[in-house]
mmCIF file of all heavy atoms, coordinates in Angstrom:
data_MODEL
# 
_entry.id   MODEL 
# 
loop_
_atom_site.group_PDB 
_atom_site.id 
_atom_site.type_symbol 
_atom_site.label_atom_id 
_atom_site.label_alt_id 
_atom_site.label_comp_id 
_atom_site.label_asym_id 
_atom_site.label_entity_id 
_atom_site.label_seq_id 
_atom_site.pdbx_PDB_ins_code 
_atom_site.Cartn_x 
_atom_site.Cartn_y 
_atom_site.Cartn_z 
_atom_site.occupancy 
_atom_site.B_iso_or_equiv 
_atom_site.pdbx_formal_charge 
_atom_site.auth_seq_id 
_atom_site.auth_comp_id 
_atom_site.auth_asym_id 
_atom_site.auth_atom_id 
_atom_site.pdbx_PDB_model_num 
ATOM 1   N N   . GLY A 1 1  ? 2.539  2.523   1.059   1.00 0.00 ? 1  GLY A N   1 
ATOM 2   C CA  . GLY A 1 1  ? 3.247  3.260   2.102   1.00 0.00 ? 1  GLY A CA  1 
ATOM 3   C C   . GLY A 1 1  ? 3.418  2.390   3.336   1.00 0.00 ? 1  GLY A C   1 
ATOM 4   O O   . GLY A 1 1  ? 2.445  1.830   3.842   1.00 0.00 ? 1  GLY A O   1 
ATOM 5   N N   . LEU A 1 2  ? 4.653  2.251   3.782   1.00 0.00 ? 2  LEU A N   1 
ATOM 6   C CA  . LEU A 1 2  ? 4.949  1.483   4.993   1.00 0.00 ? 2  LEU A CA  1 
ATOM 7   C C   . LEU A 1 2  ? 4.983  2.435   6.182   1.00 0.00 ? 2  LEU A C   1 
ATOM 8   O O   . LEU A 1 2  ? 5.436  3.574   6.056   1.00 0.00 ? 2  LEU A O   1 
ATOM 9   C CB  . LEU A 1 2  ? 6.311  0.793   4.869   1.00 0.00 ? 2  LEU A CB  1 
ATOM 10  C CG  . LEU A 1 2  ? 6.487  -0.149  3.687   1.00 0.00 ? 2  LEU A CG  1 
ATOM 11  C CD1 . LEU A 1 2  ? 7.934  -0.629  3.604   1.00 0.00 ? 2  LEU A CD1 1 
ATOM 12  C CD2 . LEU A 1 2  ? 5.541  -1.331  3.800   1.00 0.00 ? 2  LEU A CD2 1 
ATOM 13  N N   . GLU A 1 3  ? 4.514  1.970   7.332   1.00 0.00 ? 3  GLU A N   1 
ATOM 14  C CA  . GLU A 1 3  ? 4.608  2.785   8.538   1.00 0.00 ? 3  GLU A CA  1 
ATOM 15  C C   . GLU A 1 3  ? 4.795  1.892   9.756   1.00 0.00 ? 3  GLU A C   1 
ATOM 16  O O   . GLU A 1 3  ? 4.310  0.766   9.787   1.00 0.00 ? 3  GLU A O   1 
ATOM 17  C CB  . GLU A 1 3  ? 3.395  3.690   8.706   1.00 0.00 ? 3  GLU A CB  1 
ATOM 18  C CG  . GLU A 1 3  ? 2.070  2.976   8.866   1.00 0.00 ? 3  GLU A CG  1 
ATOM 19  C CD  . GLU A 1 3  ? 0.903  3.943   9.014   1.00 0.00 ? 3  GLU A CD  1 
ATOM 20  O OE1 . GLU A 1 3  ? 0.481  4.520   8.000   1.00 0.00 ? 3  GLU A OE1 1 
ATOM 21  O OE2 . GLU A 1 3  ? 0.425  4.108   10.150  1.00 0.00 ? 3  GLU A OE2 1 
ATOM 22  N N   . SER A 1 4  ? 5.518  2.430   10.716  1.00 0.00 ? 4  SER A N   1 
ATOM 23  C CA  . SER A 1 4  ? 5.759  1.706   11.966  1.00 0.00 ? 4  SER A CA  1 
ATOM 24  C C   . SER A 1 4  ? 4.772  2.196   13.013  1.00 0.00 ? 4  SER A C   1 
ATOM 25  O O   . SER A 1 4  ? 4.667  3.394   13.263  1.00 0.00 ? 4  SER A O   1 
ATOM 26  C CB  . SER A 1 4  ? 7.182  1.930   12.460  1.00 0.00 ? 4  SER A CB  1 
ATOM 27  O OG  . SER A 1 4  ? 8.088  1.390   11.540  1.00 0.00 ? 4  SER A OG  1 
ATOM 28  N N   . ILE A 1 5  ? 4.060  1.247   13.603  1.00 0.00 ? 5  ILE A N   1 
ATOM 29  C CA  . ILE A 1 5  ? 3.095  1.566   14.647  1.00 0.00 ? 5  ILE A CA  1 
ATOM 30  C C   . ILE A 1 5  ? 3.391  0.668   15.840  1.00 0.00 ? 5  ILE A C   1 
ATOM 31  O O   . ILE A 1 5  ? 3.251  -0.560  15.743  1.00 0.00 ? 5  ILE A O   1 
ATOM 32  C CB  . ILE A 1 5  ? 1.642  1.333   14.165  1.00 0.00 ? 5  ILE A CB  1 
ATOM 33  C CG1 . ILE A 1 5  ? 1.368  2.152   12.911  1.00 0.00 ? 5  ILE A CG1 1 
ATOM 34  C CG2 . ILE A 1 5  ? 0.650  1.651   15.276  1.00 0.00 ? 5  ILE A CG2 1 
ATOM 35  C CD1 . ILE A 1 5  ? 0.060  1.812   12.225  1.00 0.00 ? 5  ILE A CD1 1 
ATOM 36  N N   . ASN A 1 6  ? 3.832  1.269   16.922  1.00 0.00 ? 6  ASN A N   1 
ATOM 37  C CA  . ASN A 1 6  ? 4.165  0.520   18.141  1.00 0.00 ? 6  ASN A CA  1 
ATOM 38  C C   . ASN A 1 6  ? 5.081  -0.676  17.864  1.00 0.00 ? 6  ASN A C   1 
ATOM 39  O O   . ASN A 1 6  ? 4.837  -1.777  18.346  1.00 0.00 ? 6  ASN A O   1 
ATOM 40  C CB  . ASN A 1 6  ? 2.888  0.052   18.851  1.00 0.00 ? 6  ASN A CB  1 
ATOM 41  C CG  . ASN A 1 6  ? 2.018  1.207   19.283  1.00 0.00 ? 6  ASN A CG  1 
ATOM 42  O OD1 . ASN A 1 6  ? 2.518  2.257   19.669  1.00 0.00 ? 6  ASN A OD1 1 
ATOM 43  N ND2 . ASN A 1 6  ? 0.716  1.023   19.208  1.00 0.00 ? 6  ASN A ND2 1 
ATOM 44  N N   . GLY A 1 7  ? 6.092  -0.446  17.060  1.00 0.00 ? 7  GLY A N   1 
ATOM 45  C CA  . GLY A 1 7  ? 7.059  -1.497  16.772  1.00 0.00 ? 7  GLY A CA  1 
ATOM 46  C C   . GLY A 1 7  ? 6.643  -2.472  15.687  1.00 0.00 ? 7  GLY A C   1 
ATOM 47  O O   . GLY A 1 7  ? 7.391  -3.374  15.343  1.00 0.00 ? 7  GLY A O   1 
ATOM 48  N N   . ASN A 1 8  ? 5.449  -2.306  15.141  1.00 0.00 ? 8  ASN A N   1 
ATOM 49  C CA  . ASN A 1 8  ? 4.970  -3.172  14.053  1.00 0.00 ? 8  ASN A CA  1 
ATOM 50  C C   . ASN A 1 8  ? 4.943  -2.384  12.753  1.00 0.00 ? 8  ASN A C   1 
ATOM 51  O O   . ASN A 1 8  ? 4.524  -1.227  12.738  1.00 0.00 ? 8  ASN A O   1 
ATOM 52  C CB  . ASN A 1 8  ? 3.561  -3.693  14.344  1.00 0.00 ? 8  ASN A CB  1 
ATOM 53  C CG  . ASN A 1 8  ? 3.538  -4.596  15.546  1.00 0.00 ? 8  ASN A CG  1 
ATOM 54  O OD1 . ASN A 1 8  ? 4.371  -5.478  15.696  1.00 0.00 ? 8  ASN A OD1 1 
ATOM 55  N ND2 . ASN A 1 8  ? 2.585  -4.358  16.439  1.00 0.00 ? 8  ASN A ND2 1 
ATOM 56  N N   . VAL A 1 9  ? 5.360  -3.015  11.676  1.00 0.00 ? 9  VAL A N   1 
ATOM 57  C CA  . VAL A 1 9  ? 5.318  -2.375  10.364  1.00 0.00 ? 9  VAL A CA  1 
ATOM 58  C C   . VAL A 1 9  ? 4.013  -2.759  9.698   1.00 0.00 ? 9  VAL A C   1 
ATOM 59  O O   . VAL A 1 9  ? 3.683  -3.937  9.579   1.00 0.00 ? 9  VAL A O   1 
ATOM 60  C CB  . VAL A 1 9  ? 6.520  -2.799  9.482   1.00 0.00 ? 9  VAL A CB  1 
ATOM 61  C CG1 . VAL A 1 9  ? 6.429  -2.136  8.111   1.00 0.00 ? 9  VAL A CG1 1 
ATOM 62  C CG2 . VAL A 1 9  ? 7.826  -2.444  10.164  1.00 0.00 ? 9  VAL A CG2 1 
ATOM 63  N N   . ARG A 1 10 ? 3.256  -1.746  9.286   1.00 0.00 ? 10 ARG A N   1 
ATOM 64  C CA  . ARG A 1 10 ? 1.990  -1.939  8.574   1.00 0.00 ? 10 ARG A CA  1 
ATOM 65  C C   . ARG A 1 10 ? 2.101  -1.234  7.227   1.00 0.00 ? 10 ARG A C   1 
ATOM 66  O O   . ARG A 1 10 ? 3.040  -0.488  6.993   1.00 0.00 ? 10 ARG A O   1 
ATOM 67  C CB  . ARG A 1 10 ? 0.828  -1.328  9.383   1.00 0.00 ? 10 ARG A CB  1 
ATOM 68  C CG  . ARG A 1 10 ? 0.623  -1.897  10.768  1.00 0.00 ? 10 ARG A CG  1 
ATOM 69  C CD  . ARG A 1 10 ? 0.048  -3.309  10.777  1.00 0.00 ? 10 ARG A CD  1 
ATOM 70  N NE  . ARG A 1 10 ? -1.056 -3.536  9.895   1.00 0.00 ? 10 ARG A NE  1 
ATOM 71  C CZ  . ARG A 1 10 ? -2.338 -3.391  10.203  1.00 0.00 ? 10 ARG A CZ  1 
ATOM 72  N NH1 . ARG A 1 10 ? -2.699 -2.996  11.388  1.00 0.00 ? 10 ARG A NH1 1 
ATOM 73  N NH2 . ARG A 1 10 ? -3.280 -3.628  9.304   1.00 0.00 ? 10 ARG A NH2 1 
ATOM 74  N N   . PHE A 1 11 ? 1.130  -1.418  6.368   1.00 0.00 ? 11 PHE A N   1 
ATOM 75  C CA  . PHE A 1 11 ? 1.187  -0.754  5.067   1.00 0.00 ? 11 PHE A CA  1 
ATOM 76  C C   . PHE A 1 11 ? -0.181 -0.254  4.639   1.00 0.00 ? 11 PHE A C   1 
ATOM 77  O O   . PHE A 1 11 ? -1.212 -0.785  5.059   1.00 0.00 ? 11 PHE A O   1 
ATOM 78  C CB  . PHE A 1 11 ? 1.789  -1.669  3.994   1.00 0.00 ? 11 PHE A CB  1 
ATOM 79  C CG  . PHE A 1 11 ? 1.017  -2.931  3.757   1.00 0.00 ? 11 PHE A CG  1 
ATOM 80  C CD1 . PHE A 1 11 ? 0.037  -2.994  2.777   1.00 0.00 ? 11 PHE A CD1 1 
ATOM 81  C CD2 . PHE A 1 11 ? 1.277  -4.075  4.500   1.00 0.00 ? 11 PHE A CD2 1 
ATOM 82  C CE1 . PHE A 1 11 ? -0.669 -4.167  2.535   1.00 0.00 ? 11 PHE A CE1 1 
ATOM 83  C CE2 . PHE A 1 11 ? 0.583  -5.251  4.275   1.00 0.00 ? 11 PHE A CE2 1 
ATOM 84  C CZ  . PHE A 1 11 ? -0.396 -5.286  3.297   1.00 0.00 ? 11 PHE A CZ  1 
ATOM 85  N N   . ASN A 1 12 ? -0.158 0.783   3.839   1.00 0.00 ? 12 ASN A N   1 
ATOM 86  C CA  . ASN A 1 12 ? -1.346 1.378   3.230   1.00 0.00 ? 12 ASN A CA  1 
ATOM 87  C C   . ASN A 1 12 ? -1.196 1.239   1.722   1.00 0.00 ? 12 ASN A C   1 
ATOM 88  O O   . ASN A 1 12 ? -0.082 1.265   1.206   1.00 0.00 ? 12 ASN A O   1 
ATOM 89  C CB  . ASN A 1 12 ? -1.456 2.862   3.610   1.00 0.00 ? 12 ASN A CB  1 
ATOM 90  C CG  . ASN A 1 12 ? -1.471 3.060   5.111   1.00 0.00 ? 12 ASN A CG  1 
ATOM 91  O OD1 . ASN A 1 12 ? -2.283 2.473   5.803   1.00 0.00 ? 12 ASN A OD1 1 
ATOM 92  N ND2 . ASN A 1 12 ? -0.562 3.867   5.609   1.00 0.00 ? 12 ASN A ND2 1 
ATOM 93  N N   . ILE A 1 13 ? -2.320 1.103   1.036   1.00 0.00 ? 13 ILE A N   1 
ATOM 94  C CA  . ILE A 1 13 ? -2.289 0.934   -0.424  1.00 0.00 ? 13 ILE A CA  1 
ATOM 95  C C   . ILE A 1 13 ? -3.149 2.006   -1.084  1.00 0.00 ? 13 ILE A C   1 
ATOM 96  O O   . ILE A 1 13 ? -4.280 2.245   -0.661  1.00 0.00 ? 13 ILE A O   1 
ATOM 97  C CB  . ILE A 1 13 ? -2.807 -0.468  -0.837  1.00 0.00 ? 13 ILE A CB  1 
ATOM 98  C CG1 . ILE A 1 13 ? -1.903 -1.557  -0.261  1.00 0.00 ? 13 ILE A CG1 1 
ATOM 99  C CG2 . ILE A 1 13 ? -2.913 -0.588  -2.361  1.00 0.00 ? 13 ILE A CG2 1 
ATOM 100 C CD1 . ILE A 1 13 ? -2.379 -2.965  -0.522  1.00 0.00 ? 13 ILE A CD1 1 
ATOM 101 N N   . ASN A 1 14 ? -2.612 2.618   -2.142  1.00 0.00 ? 14 ASN A N   1 
ATOM 102 C CA  . ASN A 1 14 ? -3.370 3.544   -2.969  1.00 0.00 ? 14 ASN A CA  1 
ATOM 103 C C   . ASN A 1 14 ? -3.848 2.743   -4.178  1.00 0.00 ? 14 ASN A C   1 
ATOM 104 O O   . ASN A 1 14 ? -3.116 2.581   -5.157  1.00 0.00 ? 14 ASN A O   1 
ATOM 105 C CB  . ASN A 1 14 ? -2.498 4.727   -3.387  1.00 0.00 ? 14 ASN A CB  1 
ATOM 106 C CG  . ASN A 1 14 ? -3.273 5.754   -4.183  1.00 0.00 ? 14 ASN A CG  1 
ATOM 107 O OD1 . ASN A 1 14 ? -4.211 5.429   -4.898  1.00 0.00 ? 14 ASN A OD1 1 
ATOM 108 N ND2 . ASN A 1 14 ? -2.855 7.009   -4.066  1.00 0.00 ? 14 ASN A ND2 1 
ATOM 109 N N   . LEU A 1 15 ? -5.064 2.223   -4.088  1.00 0.00 ? 15 LEU A N   1 
ATOM 110 C CA  . LEU A 1 15 ? -5.604 1.352   -5.132  1.00 0.00 ? 15 LEU A CA  1 
ATOM 111 C C   . LEU A 1 15 ? -5.815 2.116   -6.442  1.00 0.00 ? 15 LEU A C   1 
ATOM 112 O O   . LEU A 1 15 ? -5.575 1.571   -7.520  1.00 0.00 ? 15 LEU A O   1 
ATOM 113 C CB  . LEU A 1 15 ? -6.913 0.712   -4.659  1.00 0.00 ? 15 LEU A CB  1 
ATOM 114 C CG  . LEU A 1 15 ? -7.482 -0.396  -5.527  1.00 0.00 ? 15 LEU A CG  1 
ATOM 115 C CD1 . LEU A 1 15 ? -6.484 -1.536  -5.698  1.00 0.00 ? 15 LEU A CD1 1 
ATOM 116 C CD2 . LEU A 1 15 ? -8.779 -0.934  -4.932  1.00 0.00 ? 15 LEU A CD2 1 
ATOM 117 N N   . ALA A 1 16 ? -6.217 3.366   -6.359  1.00 0.00 ? 16 ALA A N   1 
ATOM 118 C CA  . ALA A 1 16 ? -6.409 4.171   -7.575  1.00 0.00 ? 16 ALA A CA  1 
ATOM 119 C C   . ALA A 1 16 ? -5.085 4.330   -8.327  1.00 0.00 ? 16 ALA A C   1 
ATOM 120 O O   . ALA A 1 16 ? -5.045 4.215   -9.553  1.00 0.00 ? 16 ALA A O   1 
ATOM 121 C CB  . ALA A 1 16 ? -6.981 5.541   -7.207  1.00 0.00 ? 16 ALA A CB  1 
ATOM 122 N N   . ALA A 1 17 ? -4.000 4.563   -7.595  1.00 0.00 ? 17 ALA A N   1 
ATOM 123 C CA  . ALA A 1 17 ? -2.688 4.741   -8.236  1.00 0.00 ? 17 ALA A CA  1 
ATOM 124 C C   . ALA A 1 17 ? -2.190 3.428   -8.845  1.00 0.00 ? 17 ALA A C   1 
ATOM 125 O O   . ALA A 1 17 ? -1.613 3.432   -9.937  1.00 0.00 ? 17 ALA A O   1 
ATOM 126 C CB  . ALA A 1 17 ? -1.673 5.267   -7.232  1.00 0.00 ? 17 ALA A CB  1 
ATOM 127 N N   . THR A 1 18 ? -2.426 2.290   -8.175  1.00 0.00 ? 18 THR A N   1 
ATOM 128 C CA  . THR A 1 18 ? -1.985 1.012   -8.744  1.00 0.00 ? 18 THR A CA  1 
ATOM 129 C C   . THR A 1 18 ? -2.781 0.679   -9.998  1.00 0.00 ? 18 THR A C   1 
ATOM 130 O O   . THR A 1 18 ? -2.222 0.188   -10.980 1.00 0.00 ? 18 THR A O   1 
ATOM 131 C CB  . THR A 1 18 ? -2.087 -0.157  -7.729  1.00 0.00 ? 18 THR A CB  1 
ATOM 132 O OG1 . THR A 1 18 ? -3.434 -0.279  -7.278  1.00 0.00 ? 18 THR A OG1 1 
ATOM 133 C CG2 . THR A 1 18 ? -1.151 0.030   -6.561  1.00 0.00 ? 18 THR A CG2 1 
ATOM 134 N N   . THR A 1 19 ? -4.062 0.989   -9.990  1.00 0.00 ? 19 THR A N   1 
ATOM 135 C CA  . THR A 1 19 ? -4.903 0.759   -11.166 1.00 0.00 ? 19 THR A CA  1 
ATOM 136 C C   . THR A 1 19 ? -4.433 1.618   -12.340 1.00 0.00 ? 19 THR A C   1 
ATOM 137 O O   . THR A 1 19 ? -4.341 1.137   -13.469 1.00 0.00 ? 19 THR A O   1 
ATOM 138 C CB  . THR A 1 19 ? -6.381 1.047   -10.832 1.00 0.00 ? 19 THR A CB  1 
ATOM 139 O OG1 . THR A 1 19 ? -6.775 0.207   -9.745  1.00 0.00 ? 19 THR A OG1 1 
ATOM 140 C CG2 . THR A 1 19 ? -7.281 0.789   -12.021 1.00 0.00 ? 19 THR A CG2 1 
ATOM 141 N N   . LEU A 1 20 ? -4.108 2.878   -12.072 1.00 0.00 ? 20 LEU A N   1 
ATOM 142 C CA  . LEU A 1 20 ? -3.600 3.787   -13.101 1.00 0.00 ? 20 LEU A CA  1 
ATOM 143 C C   . LEU A 1 20 ? -2.301 3.257   -13.718 1.00 0.00 ? 20 LEU A C   1 
ATOM 144 O O   . LEU A 1 20 ? -2.049 3.443   -14.900 1.00 0.00 ? 20 LEU A O   1 
ATOM 145 C CB  . LEU A 1 20 ? -3.368 5.178   -12.499 1.00 0.00 ? 20 LEU A CB  1 
ATOM 146 C CG  . LEU A 1 20 ? -2.862 6.260   -13.432 1.00 0.00 ? 20 LEU A CG  1 
ATOM 147 C CD1 . LEU A 1 20 ? -3.878 6.557   -14.542 1.00 0.00 ? 20 LEU A CD1 1 
ATOM 148 C CD2 . LEU A 1 20 ? -2.565 7.530   -12.643 1.00 0.00 ? 20 LEU A CD2 1 
ATOM 149 N N   . SER A 1 21 ? -1.509 2.545   -12.920 1.00 0.00 ? 21 SER A N   1 
ATOM 150 C CA  . SER A 1 21 ? -0.242 1.979   -13.400 1.00 0.00 ? 21 SER A CA  1 
ATOM 151 C C   . SER A 1 21 ? -0.411 0.576   -13.968 1.00 0.00 ? 21 SER A C   1 
ATOM 152 O O   . SER A 1 21 ? 0.571  -0.098  -14.270 1.00 0.00 ? 21 SER A O   1 
ATOM 153 C CB  . SER A 1 21 ? 0.774  1.943   -12.255 1.00 0.00 ? 21 SER A CB  1 
ATOM 154 O OG  . SER A 1 21 ? 1.103  3.258   -11.880 1.00 0.00 ? 21 SER A OG  1 
ATOM 155 N N   . ASP A 1 22 ? -1.668 0.125   -14.115 1.00 0.00 ? 22 ASP A N   1 
ATOM 156 C CA  . ASP A 1 22 ? -1.979 -1.195  -14.668 1.00 0.00 ? 22 ASP A CA  1 
ATOM 157 C C   . ASP A 1 22 ? -1.377 -2.327  -13.842 1.00 0.00 ? 22 ASP A C   1 
ATOM 158 O O   . ASP A 1 22 ? -0.951 -3.351  -14.384 1.00 0.00 ? 22 ASP A O   1 
ATOM 159 C CB  . ASP A 1 22 ? -1.543 -1.286  -16.132 1.00 0.00 ? 22 ASP A CB  1 
ATOM 160 C CG  . ASP A 1 22 ? -2.301 -2.366  -16.889 1.00 0.00 ? 22 ASP A CG  1 
ATOM 161 O OD1 . ASP A 1 22 ? -3.388 -2.777  -16.430 1.00 0.00 ? 22 ASP A OD1 1 
ATOM 162 O OD2 . ASP A 1 22 ? -1.794 -2.830  -17.927 1.00 0.00 ? 22 ASP A OD2 1 
ATOM 163 N N   . LEU A 1 23 ? -1.320 -2.127  -12.527 1.00 0.00 ? 23 LEU A N   1 
ATOM 164 C CA  . LEU A 1 23 ? -0.848 -3.158  -11.604 1.00 0.00 ? 23 LEU A CA  1 
ATOM 165 C C   . LEU A 1 23 ? -2.063 -3.719  -10.875 1.00 0.00 ? 23 LEU A C   1 
ATOM 166 O O   . LEU A 1 23 ? -2.907 -2.958  -10.395 1.00 0.00 ? 23 LEU A O   1 
ATOM 167 C CB  . LEU A 1 23 ? 0.145  -2.568  -10.592 1.00 0.00 ? 23 LEU A CB  1 
ATOM 168 C CG  . LEU A 1 23 ? 1.394  -1.918  -11.185 1.00 0.00 ? 23 LEU A CG  1 
ATOM 169 C CD1 . LEU A 1 23 ? 2.183  -1.200  -10.100 1.00 0.00 ? 23 LEU A CD1 1 
ATOM 170 C CD2 . LEU A 1 23 ? 2.259  -2.956  -11.886 1.00 0.00 ? 23 LEU A CD2 1 
ATOM 171 N N   . LYS A 1 24 ? -2.149 -5.029  -10.814 1.00 0.00 ? 24 LYS A N   1 
ATOM 172 C CA  . LYS A 1 24 ? -3.281 -5.677  -10.152 1.00 0.00 ? 24 LYS A CA  1 
ATOM 173 C C   . LYS A 1 24 ? -2.849 -6.112  -8.754  1.00 0.00 ? 24 LYS A C   1 
ATOM 174 O O   . LYS A 1 24 ? -1.884 -6.857  -8.602  1.00 0.00 ? 24 LYS A O   1 
ATOM 175 C CB  . LYS A 1 24 ? -3.731 -6.905  -10.940 1.00 0.00 ? 24 LYS A CB  1 
ATOM 176 C CG  . LYS A 1 24 ? -3.968 -6.648  -12.406 1.00 0.00 ? 24 LYS A CG  1 
ATOM 177 C CD  . LYS A 1 24 ? -5.386 -6.256  -12.689 1.00 0.00 ? 24 LYS A CD  1 
ATOM 178 C CE  . LYS A 1 24 ? -5.683 -6.140  -14.149 1.00 0.00 ? 24 LYS A CE  1 
ATOM 179 N NZ  . LYS A 1 24 ? -5.161 -5.005  -14.843 1.00 0.00 ? 24 LYS A NZ  1 
ATOM 180 N N   . VAL A 1 25 ? -3.582 -5.642  -7.749  1.00 0.00 ? 25 VAL A N   1 
ATOM 181 C CA  . VAL A 1 25 ? -3.288 -5.963  -6.351  1.00 0.00 ? 25 VAL A CA  1 
ATOM 182 C C   . VAL A 1 25 ? -4.229 -7.079  -5.918  1.00 0.00 ? 25 VAL A C   1 
ATOM 183 O O   . VAL A 1 25 ? -5.448 -6.977  -6.106  1.00 0.00 ? 25 VAL A O   1 
ATOM 184 C CB  . VAL A 1 25 ? -3.495 -4.727  -5.445  1.00 0.00 ? 25 VAL A CB  1 
ATOM 185 C CG1 . VAL A 1 25 ? -3.165 -5.052  -4.009  1.00 0.00 ? 25 VAL A CG1 1 
ATOM 186 C CG2 . VAL A 1 25 ? -2.665 -3.554  -5.946  1.00 0.00 ? 25 VAL A CG2 1 
ATOM 187 N N   . SER A 1 26 ? -3.675 -8.129  -5.340  1.00 0.00 ? 26 SER A N   1 
ATOM 188 C CA  . SER A 1 26 ? -4.515 -9.248  -4.925  1.00 0.00 ? 26 SER A CA  1 
ATOM 189 C C   . SER A 1 26 ? -5.429 -8.841  -3.776  1.00 0.00 ? 26 SER A C   1 
ATOM 190 O O   . SER A 1 26 ? -5.095 -7.962  -2.973  1.00 0.00 ? 26 SER A O   1 
ATOM 191 C CB  . SER A 1 26 ? -3.667 -10.445 -4.507  1.00 0.00 ? 26 SER A CB  1 
ATOM 192 O OG  . SER A 1 26 ? -3.236 -10.311 -3.180  1.00 0.00 ? 26 SER A OG  1 
# 
């Protein structure tokens, strides 16, 4: 999930969902 905070774009990761989809996050 991307979000804008004070003009900066940051991101959140759902590690459980990526694991369920067999995607490996560095």
